[in-house]
Amino acid sequence: MREIDVSKVEETVRELCIKANLELPGDMEKCIYQNSEKEQSPVGRNVFDDIKANIETARNENIPICQDTGMAVIFMEVGQDVHFVGGSLNEAINKGVSRGYTEGRLRCSIVSDPLERVNSGDNTPPVVHLKITEGDRVKIMVSPKGFGSENMSQLKMMTPSVTHDEIVDWVVSVCATAGSNPCPPIVIGVGIGGDFEKCAYLAKKALCRNVSQRNPKPLYRELEQKMLDKINALGIGPQGFGGTQTCLAVNIEQAPTHIAGLPVSVNVGCHVTRHAEAEL
């Protein structure tokens, strides 16, 4: 049994909240630069130039890439041979987010109640997804989710009789409806299977996958490409000004489901689809 003091979790969460908001993942930055070269619209290329300048400014000035520093979504993988000591794990996670956002001078965007709308003041509480794994390691990923893109996300409870093309067309229709609202070029996370909430989780987790990595199953890899091609054919373009590069990547994650259902969800990510991770 390996003991880990919760203070280490708190400090790690704090650091990841700041890092994720100031540094775009390397694969995302590379993808943006590659797609800027593919863009055929002069206006679209100018927008890409602004996006790249913004990335460089954030790095050089040590400031957030986007003013919407997001709702903190935390994915934790905890080895079953780990014993947390020194206090409450939940409290440590919350303190880590609170310190990350206040000490990092990040915008606090969370209201404590969805209808009363009173700001919590420190961007807590986060959304936490906890997974128990084998071994004695702890993996923590912080993914700040902005709501310009989150608001464009959708979930549909389809039937098992739906065709692959119908799934593709529905995903594309979600992006067409979103238009310029999620600050394209976008990243699309698609969840297929599970139940209502598992499907949405899969789509959110898909956004954290390296954009250069395709689904290992040929069927889903082919669907990713079909969706990407059709979304880019919409002509929405960077920031909605028209162009050939509306979407940077489509990542599909799948899970077993019930014989009577086929849940499909789309989680939309903007061109600042951020996350940072560490292992204890």
Protein backbone atom coordinates (compact mmCIF):
# COMPACT_ATOMS: atom_id res chain seq x y z
CA MET A 1 0.00 0.00 0.00
CA ARG A 2 1.39 3.39 -1.05
CA GLU A 3 0.48 6.45 0.98
CA ILE A 4 -0.01 9.83 -0.71
CA ASP A 5 -0.65 12.97 1.30
CA VAL A 6 -3.63 14.87 -0.06
CA SER A 7 -1.54 18.04 0.03
CA LYS A 8 0.29 16.69 -3.03
CA VAL A 9 -3.04 16.32 -4.82
CA GLU A 10 -3.99 19.89 -3.89
CA GLU A 11 -0.72 21.32 -5.17
CA THR A 12 -0.84 19.27 -8.37
CA VAL A 13 -4.41 20.34 -9.15
CA ARG A 14 -3.42 23.97 -8.50
CA GLU A 15 -0.50 23.76 -10.91
CA LEU A 16 -2.51 21.98 -13.60
CA CYS A 17 -5.33 24.53 -13.48
CA ILE A 18 -2.85 27.28 -14.24
CA LYS A 19 -0.82 25.34 -16.80
CA ALA A 20 -3.87 24.19 -18.76
CA ASN A 21 -5.09 27.76 -19.11
CA LEU A 22 -1.74 29.24 -20.13
CA GLU A 23 -0.32 26.53 -22.40
CA LEU A 24 -2.10 24.84 -25.29
CA PRO A 25 -1.23 21.12 -25.56
CA GLY A 26 1.57 20.55 -28.06
CA ASP A 27 -0.55 18.37 -30.35
CA MET A 28 -3.27 21.04 -30.50
CA GLU A 29 -0.82 23.82 -31.29
CA LYS A 30 0.81 21.72 -34.01
CA CYS A 31 -2.60 20.90 -35.48
CA ILE A 32 -3.56 24.58 -35.60
CA TYR A 33 -0.35 25.47 -37.43
CA GLN A 34 -0.81 22.58 -39.88
CA ASN A 35 -4.42 23.48 -40.63
CA SER A 36 -3.55 27.13 -41.10
CA GLU A 37 -1.46 26.00 -44.08
CA LYS A 38 -4.45 24.08 -45.51
CA GLU A 39 -6.89 26.99 -45.22
CA GLN A 40 -7.89 28.21 -48.68
CA SER A 41 -9.79 31.35 -47.69
CA PRO A 42 -7.68 34.55 -47.42
CA VAL A 43 -9.88 35.78 -44.55
CA GLY A 44 -9.61 32.36 -42.89
CA ARG A 45 -5.81 32.47 -43.14
CA ASN A 46 -5.83 35.90 -41.51
CA VAL A 47 -7.92 34.51 -38.65
CA PHE A 48 -5.45 31.65 -38.24
CA ASP A 49 -2.66 34.22 -38.04
CA ASP A 50 -4.53 35.94 -35.19
CA ILE A 51 -5.04 32.60 -33.42
CA LYS A 52 -1.33 31.76 -33.69
CA ALA A 53 -0.38 35.23 -32.48
CA ASN A 54 -2.68 34.77 -29.50
CA ILE A 55 -1.01 31.45 -28.61
CA GLU A 56 2.43 33.08 -28.76
CA THR A 57 1.29 36.08 -26.71
CA ALA A 58 -0.16 33.85 -24.00
CA ARG A 59 3.14 31.97 -23.82
CA ASN A 60 5.36 35.04 -23.84
CA GLU A 61 3.25 37.12 -21.45
CA ASN A 62 2.29 34.20 -19.19
CA ILE A 63 -1.43 34.97 -19.52
CA PRO A 64 -4.47 32.78 -20.32
CA ILE A 65 -4.96 31.71 -23.93
CA CYS A 66 -8.66 32.59 -23.61
CA GLN A 67 -10.57 34.95 -21.33
CA ASP A 68 -13.01 32.10 -20.56
CA THR A 69 -10.81 30.02 -18.28
CA GLY A 70 -13.57 27.47 -18.06
CA MET A 71 -15.22 25.12 -15.64
CA ALA A 72 -12.57 22.85 -14.15
CA VAL A 73 -13.18 19.26 -15.25
CA ILE A 74 -10.90 16.80 -13.51
CA PHE A 75 -10.21 13.23 -14.58
CA MET A 76 -8.49 11.16 -11.89
CA GLU A 77 -7.21 7.61 -12.18
CA VAL A 78 -6.43 6.24 -8.72
CA GLY A 79 -4.58 2.98 -8.23
CA GLN A 80 -6.33 0.59 -5.88
CA ASP A 81 -3.13 0.26 -3.85
CA VAL A 82 -3.07 3.94 -2.97
CA HIS A 83 -4.08 5.22 0.47
CA PHE A 84 -4.64 8.95 0.77
CA VAL A 85 -3.59 10.47 4.09
CA GLY A 86 -3.54 13.90 5.66
CA GLY A 87 -7.16 14.88 5.15
CA SER A 88 -10.05 14.75 2.71
CA LEU A 89 -9.35 14.01 -0.95
CA ASN A 90 -12.43 15.95 -2.06
CA GLU A 91 -11.38 18.95 0.00
CA ALA A 92 -7.86 18.79 -1.45
CA ILE A 93 -9.21 18.79 -5.01
CA ASN A 94 -11.46 21.77 -4.29
CA LYS A 95 -8.65 23.67 -2.59
CA GLY A 96 -6.39 22.96 -5.54
CA VAL A 97 -8.92 24.42 -7.96
CA SER A 98 -9.58 27.40 -5.69
CA ARG A 99 -5.90 28.21 -5.34
CA GLY A 100 -5.22 27.63 -9.02
CA TYR A 101 -7.85 30.09 -10.11
CA THR A 102 -7.33 32.75 -7.45
CA GLU A 103 -3.53 32.61 -7.23
CA GLY A 104 -3.26 32.18 -11.00
CA ARG A 105 -5.56 35.17 -11.52
CA LEU A 106 -7.86 33.15 -13.74
CA ARG A 107 -11.45 34.21 -14.32
CA CYS A 108 -13.85 32.57 -11.86
CA SER A 109 -16.98 31.59 -13.76
CA ILE A 110 -18.85 29.13 -11.51
CA VAL A 111 -22.15 29.92 -9.81
CA SER A 112 -22.97 27.90 -6.70
CA ASP A 113 -26.59 27.32 -7.75
CA PRO A 114 -27.82 27.10 -11.36
CA LEU A 115 -30.91 29.25 -10.73
CA GLU A 116 -29.82 31.60 -7.95
CA ARG A 117 -26.69 32.45 -10.02
CA VAL A 118 -24.36 33.56 -7.21
CA ASN A 119 -20.69 33.29 -8.17
CA SER A 120 -18.71 30.97 -5.89
CA GLY A 121 -15.74 33.34 -6.13
CA ASP A 122 -13.02 30.75 -6.69
CA ASN A 123 -14.29 28.60 -9.60
CA THR A 124 -15.29 25.76 -7.31
CA PRO A 125 -16.68 23.20 -7.28
CA PRO A 126 -15.09 21.37 -10.20
CA VAL A 127 -16.56 18.41 -12.06
CA VAL A 128 -14.63 15.32 -10.96
CA HIS A 129 -14.51 11.96 -12.76
CA LEU A 130 -12.82 9.29 -10.62
CA LYS A 131 -11.66 5.94 -12.00
CA ILE A 132 -10.13 3.13 -9.93
CA THR A 133 -7.26 1.36 -11.65
CA GLU A 134 -4.68 -1.28 -10.77
CA GLY A 135 -1.38 -0.35 -9.16
CA ASP A 136 -0.23 2.46 -6.87
CA ARG A 137 -0.12 5.49 -9.17
CA VAL A 138 -2.44 8.48 -9.42
CA LYS A 139 -3.01 10.27 -12.73
CA ILE A 140 -4.64 13.69 -12.70
CA MET A 141 -5.85 15.58 -15.74
CA VAL A 142 -7.40 19.06 -15.55
CA SER A 143 -9.46 20.14 -18.54
CA PRO A 144 -10.88 23.70 -18.27
CA LYS A 145 -14.07 23.78 -20.36
CA GLY A 146 -15.27 27.06 -21.78
CA PHE A 147 -18.99 27.39 -22.27
CA GLY A 148 -19.11 29.06 -25.66
CA SER A 149 -18.39 25.59 -27.03
CA GLU A 150 -20.03 23.62 -24.21
CA ASN A 151 -23.37 25.31 -24.91
CA MET A 152 -23.31 23.96 -28.46
CA SER A 153 -23.02 20.32 -27.34
CA GLN A 154 -25.86 17.83 -27.78
CA LEU A 155 -26.90 14.28 -26.93
CA LYS A 156 -29.39 12.10 -28.77
CA MET A 157 -30.86 8.76 -27.76
CA MET A 158 -30.86 6.94 -31.10
CA THR A 159 -32.23 3.49 -31.87
CA PRO A 160 -30.13 0.44 -32.80
CA SER A 161 -31.60 0.57 -36.31
CA VAL A 162 -29.89 3.88 -37.11
CA THR A 163 -27.33 3.70 -39.91
CA HIS A 164 -23.73 4.83 -39.68
CA ASP A 165 -24.44 7.57 -42.21
CA GLU A 166 -27.34 8.83 -40.08
CA ILE A 167 -25.00 9.06 -37.08
CA VAL A 168 -22.48 10.99 -39.18
CA ASP A 169 -25.14 13.34 -40.52
CA TRP A 170 -26.49 14.07 -37.03
CA VAL A 171 -23.02 14.91 -35.70
CA VAL A 172 -22.48 17.21 -38.69
CA SER A 173 -25.88 18.85 -38.08
CA VAL A 174 -24.83 19.68 -34.52
CA CYS A 175 -21.80 21.50 -35.89
CA ALA A 176 -23.89 23.26 -38.55
CA THR A 177 -26.28 24.51 -35.87
CA ALA A 178 -23.35 25.65 -33.73
CA GLY A 179 -21.95 27.76 -36.56
CA SER A 180 -19.51 30.38 -35.30
CA ASN A 181 -20.64 30.20 -31.66
CA PRO A 182 -17.98 27.72 -30.42
CA CYS A 183 -15.09 29.77 -31.87
CA PRO A 184 -13.97 27.49 -34.71
CA PRO A 185 -11.81 25.84 -35.78
CA ILE A 186 -13.31 23.33 -33.40
CA VAL A 187 -12.46 19.92 -32.00
CA ILE A 188 -15.35 17.45 -31.79
CA GLY A 189 -15.60 14.76 -29.15
CA VAL A 190 -18.15 12.05 -29.94
CA GLY A 191 -19.43 9.47 -27.48
CA ILE A 192 -21.19 6.38 -28.82
CA GLY A 193 -22.76 3.82 -26.49
CA GLY A 194 -23.04 3.44 -22.75
CA ASP A 195 -26.16 4.98 -21.24
CA PHE A 196 -27.31 8.62 -21.04
CA GLU A 197 -24.59 9.92 -18.71
CA LYS A 198 -21.82 7.53 -19.83
CA CYS A 199 -22.28 8.68 -23.42
CA ALA A 200 -21.76 12.32 -22.44
CA TYR A 201 -18.70 11.36 -20.39
CA LEU A 202 -17.21 9.58 -23.41
CA ALA A 203 -17.62 12.68 -25.57
CA LYS A 204 -15.96 14.89 -22.94
CA LYS A 205 -13.10 12.42 -22.48
CA ALA A 206 -12.67 12.23 -26.26
CA LEU A 207 -11.77 15.93 -26.30
CA CYS A 208 -8.75 15.13 -24.13
CA ARG A 209 -7.33 12.62 -26.61
CA ASN A 210 -4.34 13.68 -28.69
CA VAL A 211 -5.79 15.17 -31.89
CA SER A 212 -3.23 13.26 -33.99
CA GLN A 213 -4.39 9.89 -32.65
CA ARG A 214 -7.23 8.14 -34.42
CA ASN A 215 -9.55 5.54 -32.92
CA PRO A 216 -7.79 2.14 -32.97
CA LYS A 217 -10.86 0.41 -34.46
CA PRO A 218 -11.11 0.78 -38.27
CA LEU A 219 -14.89 1.30 -38.13
CA TYR A 220 -14.67 4.28 -35.80
CA ARG A 221 -11.53 5.60 -37.48
CA GLU A 222 -13.45 5.72 -40.74
CA LEU A 223 -16.38 7.49 -39.06
CA GLU A 224 -14.01 10.08 -37.59
CA GLN A 225 -12.70 10.90 -41.06
CA LYS A 226 -16.18 11.05 -42.60
CA MET A 227 -17.38 13.42 -39.89
CA LEU A 228 -14.29 15.61 -40.21
CA ASP A 229 -14.64 15.89 -43.99
CA LYS A 230 -18.34 16.73 -43.86
CA ILE A 231 -17.92 19.30 -41.07
CA ASN A 232 -15.19 21.06 -43.01
CA ALA A 233 -17.39 20.99 -46.11
CA LEU A 234 -19.89 23.20 -44.25
CA GLY A 235 -17.71 26.20 -45.06
CA ILE A 236 -18.11 27.83 -41.63
CA GLY A 237 -14.38 28.42 -41.40
CA PRO A 238 -12.18 29.96 -38.69
CA GLN A 239 -14.27 32.06 -36.31
CA GLY A 240 -17.22 31.68 -38.70
CA PHE A 241 -15.80 33.95 -41.42
CA GLY A 242 -15.92 31.19 -44.01
CA GLY A 243 -13.23 28.76 -45.10
CA THR A 244 -12.19 25.17 -45.50
CA GLN A 245 -10.91 24.48 -41.97
CA THR A 246 -13.90 24.50 -39.63
CA CYS A 247 -12.83 21.44 -37.63
CA LEU A 248 -9.35 20.38 -36.52
CA ALA A 249 -10.20 16.84 -35.43
CA VAL A 250 -13.02 14.45 -34.58
CA ASN A 251 -12.32 12.00 -31.75
CA ILE A 252 -14.76 9.15 -31.12
CA GLU A 253 -14.88 7.08 -27.93
CA GLN A 254 -17.23 4.11 -27.67
CA ALA A 255 -18.57 1.83 -24.91
CA PRO A 256 -20.88 -1.20 -24.57
CA THR A 257 -24.58 -0.33 -24.49
CA HIS A 258 -28.04 -1.86 -24.03
CA ILE A 259 -29.64 -3.93 -26.81
CA ALA A 260 -32.53 -1.44 -26.98
CA GLY A 261 -30.54 1.76 -27.33
CA LEU A 262 -27.75 3.65 -29.06
CA PRO A 263 -26.86 6.90 -27.27
CA VAL A 264 -24.73 9.35 -29.27
CA SER A 265 -23.35 12.60 -27.87
CA VAL A 266 -21.31 15.47 -29.25
CA ASN A 267 -19.12 17.61 -27.00
CA VAL A 268 -17.86 20.63 -28.90
CA GLY A 269 -14.44 22.05 -28.12
CA CYS A 270 -13.18 25.43 -29.36
CA HIS A 271 -9.74 25.98 -30.89
CA VAL A 272 -8.54 26.39 -27.30
CA THR A 273 -9.36 22.79 -26.28
CA ARG A 274 -7.12 22.62 -23.23
CA HIS A 275 -5.92 20.08 -20.72
CA ALA A 276 -2.84 19.35 -18.63
CA GLU A 277 -1.92 16.19 -16.74
CA ALA A 278 0.48 14.82 -14.18
CA GLU A 279 1.19 11.59 -12.33
CA LEU A 280 1.85 11.10 -8.63
